[in-house]
Structures are given as C-alpha cells and as structure tokens.
Amino acid sequence: MRTTLDGRPVPPPHADERTMLETWLDFHRATLALKCAGLDDRQLRRAAVPPSSVTLLGLVQHLAEVERNWFQRVFAGRDLPPVYGEGAADGFALVPDRGIDEALAVWRAEVARSREAVAGASLADSGRLSEEEAAHVGEQGVSLRWILVHMIEEYARHNGHADLIRESLDGVTGP
C-alpha cells in the first residue's frame, strides 16, 4: 500500500467498495494520530479555538468512544460501558493522570476491536441503533456500509477541528 510522506495510508484510486471505505477510514484514523504527534501534554490539553473546549487529547478520547459505539455496540450488538465511564460518555472530559500515550493506546485498542467486529461481515449486514439514535436516523437498523460512511464523516469532521487546534498551537498545517 502506498503512503503519504508522513506515513498515512493512501486509499487506492481504484478498488472495490469495501476496500475503498476501509482505507479512507484508516487514512482519517492516521490523520488524527498525526495531528497529535510531537506535542507536549499542555498543548494536547489546550482548547485552542475559543469558545470551544475541544482539545486534541479530548478528540482522541472521543473517537475511542465513537469506535466502541458504532462497531461494538451498534454493529456487533455488545452491551459495553463507555470507554471512560458513565460520567464521560462522549470522551471529551480530561483527567489529570491520563495523557496522550494512554489515550492513544486505548483508541488504538478500540480501532483493533472495530476491525475484528466487522471482519468477514458484508457491507449489507446490519447493526441495531438505540431508540435515541434511531430517532435521528429514522429506523433502528443500519448497514455496515452506512456505519463506515458515517465513521469517515465523523473522523473527517473532527480532523478539521484538529487542524484548527494544531495550527493555533504551533502553526503546523496540512492534510
């Protein structure tokens, strides 16, 4: 597989649908990690785009929660608690003793579990939303295809936030 100069996987220009969806999701996952690289703990905890309280560390934690929700709970139907506890179900809350190394390890473990949950599944296979989530979507069943597209959107949106935060911290910009 080809990679960008910074090491992210380049989605192939011609591939089957499953490969295309999975490689674009992997590209965006790698982009999140890249946006956090080389920063110290203080920078990773800084909400750099007022009035938002979103931080790079919080984004990593949040996306660990998102991975668990969509692949473990919705798709695989597992009854799992939030990664960071009931009081921090969205993952954005920071605690003094959890730094980026731990957050990235947790996030990477959730990504690995996500891959395991969908291995061998068809894009047409469905997961089941909670009643609250179904109210937004319009029904309780969503296909793996829908979940993968949604995850690409989720990462792309949050990577945009990460771009702004990173630029305000040290001027680093880029894809």
N, C-alpha and C. Protein backbone atom coordinates (compact mmCIF):
# COMPACT_ATOMS: atom_id res chain seq x y z
N MET A 1 0.84 -1.18 0.00
CA MET A 1 0.00 0.00 0.00
C MET A 1 0.89 1.24 0.00
N ARG A 2 0.48 2.20 -0.77
CA ARG A 2 1.21 3.48 -0.83
C ARG A 2 0.91 4.28 0.44
N THR A 3 1.86 5.12 0.80
CA THR A 3 1.65 6.01 1.94
C THR A 3 2.05 7.43 1.55
N THR A 4 1.50 8.38 2.29
CA THR A 4 1.90 9.77 2.13
C THR A 4 3.29 9.94 2.72
N LEU A 5 3.91 11.08 2.49
CA LEU A 5 5.24 11.33 3.05
C LEU A 5 5.25 11.25 4.57
N ASP A 6 4.10 11.55 5.20
CA ASP A 6 4.02 11.49 6.67
C ASP A 6 3.59 10.12 7.18
N GLY A 7 3.46 9.13 6.28
CA GLY A 7 3.21 7.75 6.69
C GLY A 7 1.76 7.30 6.68
N ARG A 8 0.83 8.15 6.31
CA ARG A 8 -0.57 7.73 6.28
C ARG A 8 -0.85 6.91 5.03
N PRO A 9 -1.75 5.90 5.15
CA PRO A 9 -2.08 5.06 4.00
C PRO A 9 -2.86 5.86 2.96
N VAL A 10 -2.50 5.71 1.71
CA VAL A 10 -3.20 6.38 0.61
C VAL A 10 -4.28 5.43 0.10
N PRO A 11 -5.54 5.84 0.17
CA PRO A 11 -6.59 4.98 -0.38
C PRO A 11 -6.38 4.78 -1.89
N PRO A 12 -6.55 3.56 -2.36
CA PRO A 12 -6.31 3.29 -3.77
C PRO A 12 -7.32 4.03 -4.65
N PRO A 13 -6.88 4.52 -5.80
CA PRO A 13 -7.80 5.24 -6.69
C PRO A 13 -8.83 4.32 -7.34
N HIS A 14 -8.55 3.03 -7.39
CA HIS A 14 -9.49 2.05 -7.96
C HIS A 14 -9.48 0.84 -7.05
N ALA A 15 -10.63 0.54 -6.47
CA ALA A 15 -10.74 -0.61 -5.58
C ALA A 15 -12.21 -0.96 -5.44
N ASP A 16 -12.47 -2.12 -4.87
CA ASP A 16 -13.85 -2.48 -4.59
C ASP A 16 -14.37 -1.58 -3.44
N GLU A 17 -15.66 -1.56 -3.28
CA GLU A 17 -16.28 -0.65 -2.32
C GLU A 17 -15.77 -0.86 -0.89
N ARG A 18 -15.67 -2.08 -0.46
CA ARG A 18 -15.24 -2.36 0.91
C ARG A 18 -13.82 -1.84 1.15
N THR A 19 -12.93 -2.13 0.23
CA THR A 19 -11.55 -1.65 0.34
C THR A 19 -11.50 -0.13 0.38
N MET A 20 -12.28 0.50 -0.48
CA MET A 20 -12.32 1.95 -0.54
C MET A 20 -12.78 2.54 0.79
N LEU A 21 -13.86 2.03 1.32
CA LEU A 21 -14.39 2.55 2.59
C LEU A 21 -13.41 2.33 3.73
N GLU A 22 -12.86 1.13 3.83
CA GLU A 22 -11.94 0.84 4.93
C GLU A 22 -10.64 1.63 4.83
N THR A 23 -10.12 1.82 3.63
CA THR A 23 -8.86 2.56 3.52
C THR A 23 -9.06 4.05 3.75
N TRP A 24 -10.20 4.60 3.34
CA TRP A 24 -10.46 6.01 3.67
C TRP A 24 -10.63 6.20 5.17
N LEU A 25 -11.28 5.25 5.84
CA LEU A 25 -11.40 5.34 7.29
C LEU A 25 -10.02 5.23 7.93
N ASP A 26 -9.18 4.33 7.46
CA ASP A 26 -7.83 4.21 8.01
C ASP A 26 -7.00 5.48 7.76
N PHE A 27 -7.18 6.10 6.61
CA PHE A 27 -6.49 7.36 6.33
C PHE A 27 -6.88 8.42 7.36
N HIS A 28 -8.15 8.52 7.66
CA HIS A 28 -8.60 9.52 8.63
C HIS A 28 -8.19 9.16 10.05
N ARG A 29 -8.16 7.88 10.36
CA ARG A 29 -7.65 7.47 11.68
C ARG A 29 -6.19 7.90 11.82
N ALA A 30 -5.40 7.65 10.80
CA ALA A 30 -3.97 8.02 10.83
C ALA A 30 -3.79 9.53 10.90
N THR A 31 -4.70 10.28 10.27
CA THR A 31 -4.63 11.74 10.32
C THR A 31 -4.82 12.24 11.74
N LEU A 32 -5.74 11.65 12.48
CA LEU A 32 -5.95 12.05 13.88
C LEU A 32 -4.67 11.87 14.68
N ALA A 33 -4.04 10.72 14.58
CA ALA A 33 -2.79 10.47 15.31
C ALA A 33 -1.71 11.46 14.89
N LEU A 34 -1.63 11.75 13.61
CA LEU A 34 -0.63 12.69 13.10
C LEU A 34 -0.81 14.08 13.71
N LYS A 35 -2.06 14.52 13.85
CA LYS A 35 -2.33 15.85 14.39
C LYS A 35 -1.86 15.99 15.85
N CYS A 36 -1.71 14.88 16.54
CA CYS A 36 -1.27 14.90 17.93
C CYS A 36 0.24 14.71 18.08
N ALA A 37 0.89 14.29 17.04
CA ALA A 37 2.32 13.94 17.11
C ALA A 37 3.19 15.15 17.42
N GLY A 38 4.15 14.93 18.33
CA GLY A 38 5.15 15.95 18.63
C GLY A 38 4.71 17.06 19.56
N LEU A 39 3.53 16.94 20.14
CA LEU A 39 3.06 17.97 21.07
C LEU A 39 3.23 17.49 22.51
N ASP A 40 3.41 18.44 23.41
CA ASP A 40 3.51 18.07 24.83
C ASP A 40 2.11 18.03 25.46
N ASP A 41 2.06 17.54 26.69
CA ASP A 41 0.79 17.34 27.39
C ASP A 41 0.00 18.64 27.51
N ARG A 42 0.68 19.72 27.79
CA ARG A 42 0.00 21.01 27.93
C ARG A 42 -0.68 21.40 26.63
N GLN A 43 0.02 21.24 25.52
CA GLN A 43 -0.55 21.59 24.22
C GLN A 43 -1.74 20.69 23.87
N LEU A 44 -1.62 19.42 24.16
CA LEU A 44 -2.70 18.47 23.84
C LEU A 44 -3.96 18.72 24.65
N ARG A 45 -3.83 19.40 25.78
CA ARG A 45 -4.96 19.71 26.65
C ARG A 45 -5.52 21.11 26.41
N ARG A 46 -4.89 21.86 25.54
CA ARG A 46 -5.31 23.24 25.34
C ARG A 46 -6.47 23.33 24.34
N ALA A 47 -7.53 23.99 24.77
CA ALA A 47 -8.66 24.28 23.88
C ALA A 47 -8.27 25.55 23.14
N ALA A 48 -7.85 25.40 21.92
CA ALA A 48 -7.20 26.49 21.22
C ALA A 48 -8.10 27.28 20.28
N VAL A 49 -9.39 26.95 20.21
CA VAL A 49 -10.30 27.65 19.33
C VAL A 49 -11.51 28.11 20.14
N PRO A 50 -11.35 29.22 20.87
CA PRO A 50 -12.46 29.70 21.71
C PRO A 50 -13.72 29.97 20.88
N PRO A 51 -14.90 29.76 21.41
CA PRO A 51 -15.19 29.39 22.79
C PRO A 51 -15.22 27.89 23.04
N SER A 52 -14.83 27.09 22.07
CA SER A 52 -14.89 25.64 22.21
C SER A 52 -13.94 25.14 23.29
N SER A 53 -14.35 24.07 23.96
CA SER A 53 -13.48 23.42 24.94
C SER A 53 -12.83 22.16 24.37
N VAL A 54 -12.98 21.93 23.06
CA VAL A 54 -12.42 20.74 22.42
C VAL A 54 -10.90 20.83 22.37
N THR A 55 -10.25 19.73 22.75
CA THR A 55 -8.80 19.63 22.74
C THR A 55 -8.39 18.43 21.88
N LEU A 56 -7.13 18.38 21.50
CA LEU A 56 -6.64 17.22 20.75
C LEU A 56 -6.74 15.94 21.58
N LEU A 57 -6.36 16.02 22.85
CA LEU A 57 -6.48 14.86 23.73
C LEU A 57 -7.94 14.43 23.84
N GLY A 58 -8.84 15.38 23.99
CA GLY A 58 -10.27 15.07 24.06
C GLY A 58 -10.79 14.44 22.78
N LEU A 59 -10.27 14.88 21.63
CA LEU A 59 -10.69 14.28 20.36
C LEU A 59 -10.28 12.81 20.28
N VAL A 60 -9.07 12.49 20.71
CA VAL A 60 -8.62 11.09 20.70
C VAL A 60 -9.53 10.26 21.60
N GLN A 61 -9.81 10.75 22.79
CA GLN A 61 -10.70 10.03 23.71
C GLN A 61 -12.09 9.88 23.11
N HIS A 62 -12.62 10.96 22.54
CA HIS A 62 -13.95 10.94 21.94
C HIS A 62 -14.02 9.90 20.82
N LEU A 63 -13.01 9.85 19.99
CA LEU A 63 -13.06 8.91 18.87
C LEU A 63 -12.88 7.47 19.32
N ALA A 64 -12.26 7.24 20.47
CA ALA A 64 -12.26 5.90 21.06
C ALA A 64 -13.69 5.52 21.43
N GLU A 65 -14.42 6.46 22.02
CA GLU A 65 -15.83 6.22 22.36
C GLU A 65 -16.67 5.97 21.11
N VAL A 66 -16.43 6.76 20.07
CA VAL A 66 -17.17 6.62 18.82
C VAL A 66 -16.91 5.25 18.20
N GLU A 67 -15.65 4.82 18.17
CA GLU A 67 -15.31 3.49 17.65
C GLU A 67 -16.09 2.42 18.42
N ARG A 68 -16.06 2.50 19.74
CA ARG A 68 -16.76 1.49 20.55
C ARG A 68 -18.25 1.51 20.26
N ASN A 69 -18.82 2.70 20.20
CA ASN A 69 -20.26 2.79 20.00
C ASN A 69 -20.68 2.16 18.67
N TRP A 70 -20.08 2.61 17.58
CA TRP A 70 -20.58 2.18 16.28
C TRP A 70 -20.22 0.74 15.93
N PHE A 71 -19.03 0.30 16.29
CA PHE A 71 -18.63 -1.05 15.89
C PHE A 71 -18.96 -2.11 16.94
N GLN A 72 -18.78 -1.80 18.21
CA GLN A 72 -19.05 -2.79 19.25
C GLN A 72 -20.52 -2.83 19.66
N ARG A 73 -21.07 -1.67 19.99
CA ARG A 73 -22.46 -1.63 20.45
C ARG A 73 -23.45 -1.78 19.30
N VAL A 74 -23.37 -0.87 18.33
CA VAL A 74 -24.36 -0.87 17.25
C VAL A 74 -24.18 -2.08 16.34
N PHE A 75 -23.02 -2.25 15.75
CA PHE A 75 -22.86 -3.32 14.76
C PHE A 75 -22.81 -4.70 15.41
N ALA A 76 -21.96 -4.89 16.40
CA ALA A 76 -21.79 -6.22 17.00
C ALA A 76 -22.83 -6.52 18.08
N GLY A 77 -23.59 -5.52 18.51
CA GLY A 77 -24.64 -5.75 19.49
C GLY A 77 -24.16 -6.04 20.90
N ARG A 78 -22.95 -5.60 21.20
CA ARG A 78 -22.39 -5.87 22.54
C ARG A 78 -22.82 -4.79 23.52
N ASP A 79 -23.13 -5.20 24.73
CA ASP A 79 -23.53 -4.27 25.79
C ASP A 79 -22.27 -3.88 26.57
N LEU A 80 -21.64 -2.81 26.15
CA LEU A 80 -20.40 -2.37 26.77
C LEU A 80 -20.57 -0.98 27.36
N PRO A 81 -19.91 -0.70 28.49
CA PRO A 81 -19.97 0.64 29.06
C PRO A 81 -19.12 1.61 28.25
N PRO A 82 -19.32 2.91 28.45
CA PRO A 82 -18.43 3.87 27.80
C PRO A 82 -16.97 3.60 28.18
N VAL A 83 -16.08 3.86 27.26
CA VAL A 83 -14.65 3.62 27.47
C VAL A 83 -14.16 4.32 28.73
N TYR A 84 -14.57 5.56 28.92
CA TYR A 84 -14.07 6.37 30.04
C TYR A 84 -15.09 6.53 31.16
N GLY A 85 -16.09 5.67 31.23
CA GLY A 85 -17.04 5.66 32.31
C GLY A 85 -18.33 6.40 31.98
N GLU A 86 -19.34 6.10 32.75
CA GLU A 86 -20.68 6.65 32.51
C GLU A 86 -20.71 8.17 32.55
N GLY A 87 -19.92 8.78 33.40
CA GLY A 87 -19.92 10.24 33.51
C GLY A 87 -19.19 10.94 32.38
N ALA A 88 -18.54 10.18 31.51
CA ALA A 88 -17.76 10.77 30.43
C ALA A 88 -18.06 10.05 29.11
N ALA A 89 -19.35 9.83 28.86
CA ALA A 89 -19.77 9.00 27.73
C ALA A 89 -19.36 9.56 26.37
N ASP A 90 -19.11 10.88 26.26
CA ASP A 90 -18.69 11.40 24.96
C ASP A 90 -17.17 11.40 24.82
N GLY A 91 -16.45 11.18 25.93
CA GLY A 91 -15.00 11.05 25.89
C GLY A 91 -14.21 12.35 25.94
N PHE A 92 -14.87 13.48 25.85
CA PHE A 92 -14.14 14.75 25.78
C PHE A 92 -13.53 15.19 27.12
N ALA A 93 -14.05 14.71 28.24
CA ALA A 93 -13.56 15.16 29.54
C ALA A 93 -12.12 14.71 29.77
N LEU A 94 -11.31 15.63 30.24
CA LEU A 94 -9.90 15.33 30.52
C LEU A 94 -9.71 15.10 32.00
N VAL A 95 -8.80 14.20 32.32
CA VAL A 95 -8.42 13.98 33.72
C VAL A 95 -6.91 14.16 33.82
N PRO A 96 -6.43 14.66 34.96
CA PRO A 96 -5.01 14.98 35.08
C PRO A 96 -4.05 13.82 34.83
N ASP A 97 -4.43 12.60 35.22
CA ASP A 97 -3.47 11.50 35.12
C ASP A 97 -3.58 10.69 33.83
N ARG A 98 -4.41 11.11 32.87
CA ARG A 98 -4.48 10.41 31.59
C ARG A 98 -3.91 11.31 30.50
N GLY A 99 -2.77 10.89 29.96
CA GLY A 99 -2.12 11.65 28.91
C GLY A 99 -2.31 11.01 27.56
N ILE A 100 -1.62 11.55 26.59
CA ILE A 100 -1.81 11.12 25.21
C ILE A 100 -1.37 9.68 24.97
N ASP A 101 -0.32 9.23 25.62
CA ASP A 101 0.13 7.85 25.39
C ASP A 101 -0.97 6.86 25.77
N GLU A 102 -1.57 7.08 26.94
CA GLU A 102 -2.66 6.19 27.37
C GLU A 102 -3.87 6.34 26.45
N ALA A 103 -4.24 7.57 26.13
CA ALA A 103 -5.41 7.80 25.28
C ALA A 103 -5.22 7.18 23.90
N LEU A 104 -4.03 7.33 23.32
CA LEU A 104 -3.77 6.72 22.01
C LEU A 104 -3.80 5.19 22.09
N ALA A 105 -3.28 4.62 23.18
CA ALA A 105 -3.30 3.17 23.34
C ALA A 105 -4.74 2.66 23.44
N VAL A 106 -5.56 3.36 24.20
CA VAL A 106 -6.97 2.98 24.33
C VAL A 106 -7.66 3.10 22.97
N TRP A 107 -7.44 4.23 22.29
CA TRP A 107 -8.05 4.45 20.97
C TRP A 107 -7.61 3.37 19.99
N ARG A 108 -6.32 3.07 19.95
CA ARG A 108 -5.83 2.03 19.03
C ARG A 108 -6.43 0.66 19.35
N ALA A 109 -6.62 0.37 20.63
CA ALA A 109 -7.26 -0.89 21.02
C ALA A 109 -8.71 -0.93 20.54
N GLU A 110 -9.40 0.19 20.64
CA GLU A 110 -10.78 0.25 20.14
C GLU A 110 -10.82 0.10 18.62
N VAL A 111 -9.87 0.71 17.92
CA VAL A 111 -9.79 0.56 16.46
C VAL A 111 -9.57 -0.92 16.12
N ALA A 112 -8.70 -1.59 16.84
CA ALA A 112 -8.45 -3.01 16.58
C ALA A 112 -9.71 -3.83 16.83
N ARG A 113 -10.43 -3.52 17.89
CA ARG A 113 -11.70 -4.22 18.17
C ARG A 113 -12.73 -3.94 17.08
N SER A 114 -12.72 -2.71 16.57
CA SER A 114 -13.64 -2.36 15.48
C SER A 114 -13.37 -3.22 14.26
N ARG A 115 -12.09 -3.35 13.92
CA ARG A 115 -11.72 -4.17 12.76
C ARG A 115 -12.14 -5.63 12.96
N GLU A 116 -11.95 -6.14 14.17
CA GLU A 116 -12.35 -7.51 14.48
C GLU A 116 -13.86 -7.68 14.36
N ALA A 117 -14.60 -6.69 14.81
CA ALA A 117 -16.07 -6.78 14.81
C ALA A 117 -16.65 -6.87 13.40
N VAL A 118 -15.98 -6.28 12.42
CA VAL A 118 -16.53 -6.26 11.07
C VAL A 118 -15.83 -7.24 10.12
N ALA A 119 -14.77 -7.87 10.58
CA ALA A 119 -14.04 -8.81 9.73
C ALA A 119 -15.00 -9.90 9.23
N GLY A 120 -15.03 -10.07 7.94
CA GLY A 120 -15.88 -11.10 7.36
C GLY A 120 -17.34 -10.72 7.20
N ALA A 121 -17.73 -9.58 7.70
CA ALA A 121 -19.13 -9.15 7.57
C ALA A 121 -19.35 -8.53 6.19
N SER A 122 -20.56 -8.62 5.74
CA SER A 122 -20.95 -8.00 4.48
C SER A 122 -21.29 -6.53 4.73
N LEU A 123 -21.08 -5.69 3.73
CA LEU A 123 -21.47 -4.28 3.84
C LEU A 123 -22.97 -4.14 4.05
N ALA A 124 -23.74 -5.13 3.65
CA ALA A 124 -25.19 -5.10 3.81
C ALA A 124 -25.65 -5.59 5.19
N ASP A 125 -24.75 -6.23 5.96
CA ASP A 125 -25.12 -6.68 7.31
C ASP A 125 -25.49 -5.47 8.15
N SER A 126 -26.44 -5.68 9.07
CA SER A 126 -26.95 -4.55 9.86
C SER A 126 -26.62 -4.66 11.33
N GLY A 127 -26.50 -3.48 11.92
CA GLY A 127 -26.43 -3.33 13.35
C GLY A 127 -27.71 -2.69 13.82
N ARG A 128 -27.84 -2.58 15.14
CA ARG A 128 -29.09 -2.05 15.71
C ARG A 128 -28.78 -0.84 16.56
N LEU A 129 -29.46 0.25 16.24
CA LEU A 129 -29.30 1.50 16.98
C LEU A 129 -30.14 1.49 18.25
N SER A 130 -29.72 2.31 19.20
CA SER A 130 -30.56 2.54 20.37
C SER A 130 -31.79 3.32 19.92
N GLU A 131 -32.81 3.37 20.74
CA GLU A 131 -34.01 4.14 20.37
C GLU A 131 -33.67 5.61 20.15
N GLU A 132 -32.78 6.16 20.98
CA GLU A 132 -32.39 7.57 20.83
C GLU A 132 -31.69 7.80 19.49
N GLU A 133 -30.76 6.93 19.14
CA GLU A 133 -30.05 7.07 17.86
C GLU A 133 -31.00 6.83 16.68
N ALA A 134 -31.91 5.87 16.82
CA ALA A 134 -32.85 5.56 15.76
C ALA A 134 -33.77 6.74 15.46
N ALA A 135 -34.07 7.54 16.48
CA ALA A 135 -34.92 8.72 16.27
C ALA A 135 -34.25 9.70 15.31
N HIS A 136 -32.93 9.77 15.30
CA HIS A 136 -32.20 10.66 14.39
C HIS A 136 -32.12 10.09 12.98
N VAL A 137 -31.96 8.77 12.90
CA VAL A 137 -31.72 8.11 11.61
C VAL A 137 -33.03 7.77 10.90
N GLY A 138 -34.05 7.44 11.68
CA GLY A 138 -35.33 7.10 11.08
C GLY A 138 -35.72 5.64 11.19
N GLU A 139 -34.79 4.81 11.60
CA GLU A 139 -35.09 3.40 11.87
C GLU A 139 -33.97 2.82 12.73
N GLN A 140 -34.21 1.63 13.26
CA GLN A 140 -33.23 1.04 14.18
C GLN A 140 -32.11 0.29 13.49
N GLY A 141 -32.31 -0.18 12.29
CA GLY A 141 -31.26 -0.93 11.60
C GLY A 141 -30.42 -0.05 10.70
N VAL A 142 -29.10 -0.23 10.76
CA VAL A 142 -28.18 0.47 9.86
C VAL A 142 -27.17 -0.54 9.34
N SER A 143 -26.85 -0.44 8.06
CA SER A 143 -25.91 -1.37 7.46
C SER A 143 -24.47 -1.03 7.84
N LEU A 144 -23.60 -2.01 7.69
CA LEU A 144 -22.18 -1.76 7.90
C LEU A 144 -21.71 -0.68 6.93
N ARG A 145 -22.23 -0.68 5.71
CA ARG A 145 -21.88 0.36 4.73
C ARG A 145 -22.19 1.75 5.32
N TRP A 146 -23.37 1.91 5.89
CA TRP A 146 -23.79 3.18 6.48
C TRP A 146 -22.84 3.56 7.62
N ILE A 147 -22.51 2.59 8.45
CA ILE A 147 -21.62 2.85 9.59
C ILE A 147 -20.24 3.30 9.10
N LEU A 148 -19.69 2.63 8.10
CA LEU A 148 -18.36 3.01 7.59
C LEU A 148 -18.39 4.42 7.00
N VAL A 149 -19.43 4.74 6.23
CA VAL A 149 -19.53 6.09 5.68
C VAL A 149 -19.66 7.11 6.80
N HIS A 150 -20.48 6.79 7.79
CA HIS A 150 -20.63 7.70 8.93
C HIS A 150 -19.31 7.90 9.67
N MET A 151 -18.56 6.83 9.85
CA MET A 151 -17.27 6.93 10.55
C MET A 151 -16.28 7.78 9.77
N ILE A 152 -16.27 7.65 8.45
CA ILE A 152 -15.41 8.51 7.63
C ILE A 152 -15.80 9.96 7.86
N GLU A 153 -17.09 10.24 7.85
CA GLU A 153 -17.59 11.61 8.09
C GLU A 153 -17.21 12.09 9.49
N GLU A 154 -17.36 11.24 10.47
CA GLU A 154 -17.05 11.61 11.86
C GLU A 154 -15.58 11.98 12.01
N TYR A 155 -14.71 11.14 11.48
CA TYR A 155 -13.29 11.43 11.56
C TYR A 155 -12.92 12.67 10.75
N ALA A 156 -13.46 12.79 9.54
CA ALA A 156 -13.13 13.95 8.71
C ALA A 156 -13.54 15.25 9.39
N ARG A 157 -14.73 15.26 9.99
CA ARG A 157 -15.20 16.47 10.70
C ARG A 157 -14.28 16.79 11.87
N HIS A 158 -13.97 15.79 12.67
CA HIS A 158 -13.12 16.04 13.84
C HIS A 158 -11.67 16.32 13.43
N ASN A 159 -11.21 15.76 12.33
CA ASN A 159 -9.87 16.11 11.85
C ASN A 159 -9.82 17.57 11.41
N GLY A 160 -10.92 18.11 10.93
CA GLY A 160 -10.98 19.54 10.66
C GLY A 160 -10.81 20.35 11.92
N HIS A 161 -11.46 19.90 13.00
CA HIS A 161 -11.26 20.55 14.30
C HIS A 161 -9.79 20.44 14.72
N ALA A 162 -9.24 19.25 14.56
CA ALA A 162 -7.84 19.02 14.93
C ALA A 162 -6.90 19.91 14.13
N ASP A 163 -7.20 20.13 12.86
CA ASP A 163 -6.38 21.04 12.03
C ASP A 163 -6.34 22.44 12.64
N LEU A 164 -7.50 22.95 13.01
CA LEU A 164 -7.57 24.30 13.58
C LEU A 164 -6.84 24.38 14.92
N ILE A 165 -7.04 23.36 15.75
CA ILE A 165 -6.38 23.35 17.05
C ILE A 165 -4.87 23.30 16.85
N ARG A 166 -4.41 22.38 16.03
CA ARG A 166 -2.97 22.21 15.81
C ARG A 166 -2.34 23.49 15.26
N GLU A 167 -2.99 24.11 14.28
CA GLU A 167 -2.45 25.35 13.71
C GLU A 167 -2.34 26.44 14.76
N SER A 168 -3.32 26.53 15.65
CA SER A 168 -3.27 27.57 16.67
C SER A 168 -2.20 27.29 17.73
N LEU A 169 -1.82 26.02 17.89
CA LEU A 169 -0.81 25.67 18.88
C LEU A 169 0.61 25.94 18.40
N ASP A 170 0.92 25.51 17.18
CA ASP A 170 2.30 25.62 16.73
C ASP A 170 2.45 25.98 15.25
N GLY A 171 1.35 26.34 14.60
CA GLY A 171 1.41 26.76 13.22
C GLY A 171 1.46 25.64 12.20
N VAL A 172 1.48 24.38 12.65
CA VAL A 172 1.53 23.26 11.72
C VAL A 172 0.19 23.11 11.02
N THR A 173 0.23 23.08 9.70
CA THR A 173 -0.97 22.87 8.92
C THR A 173 -0.72 21.74 7.94
N GLY A 174 -1.76 21.35 7.27
CA GLY A 174 -1.58 20.33 6.24
C GLY A 174 -2.65 19.28 6.31
N PRO A 175 -2.62 18.41 5.34
CA PRO A 175 -3.67 17.39 5.23
C PRO A 175 -3.58 16.38 6.35
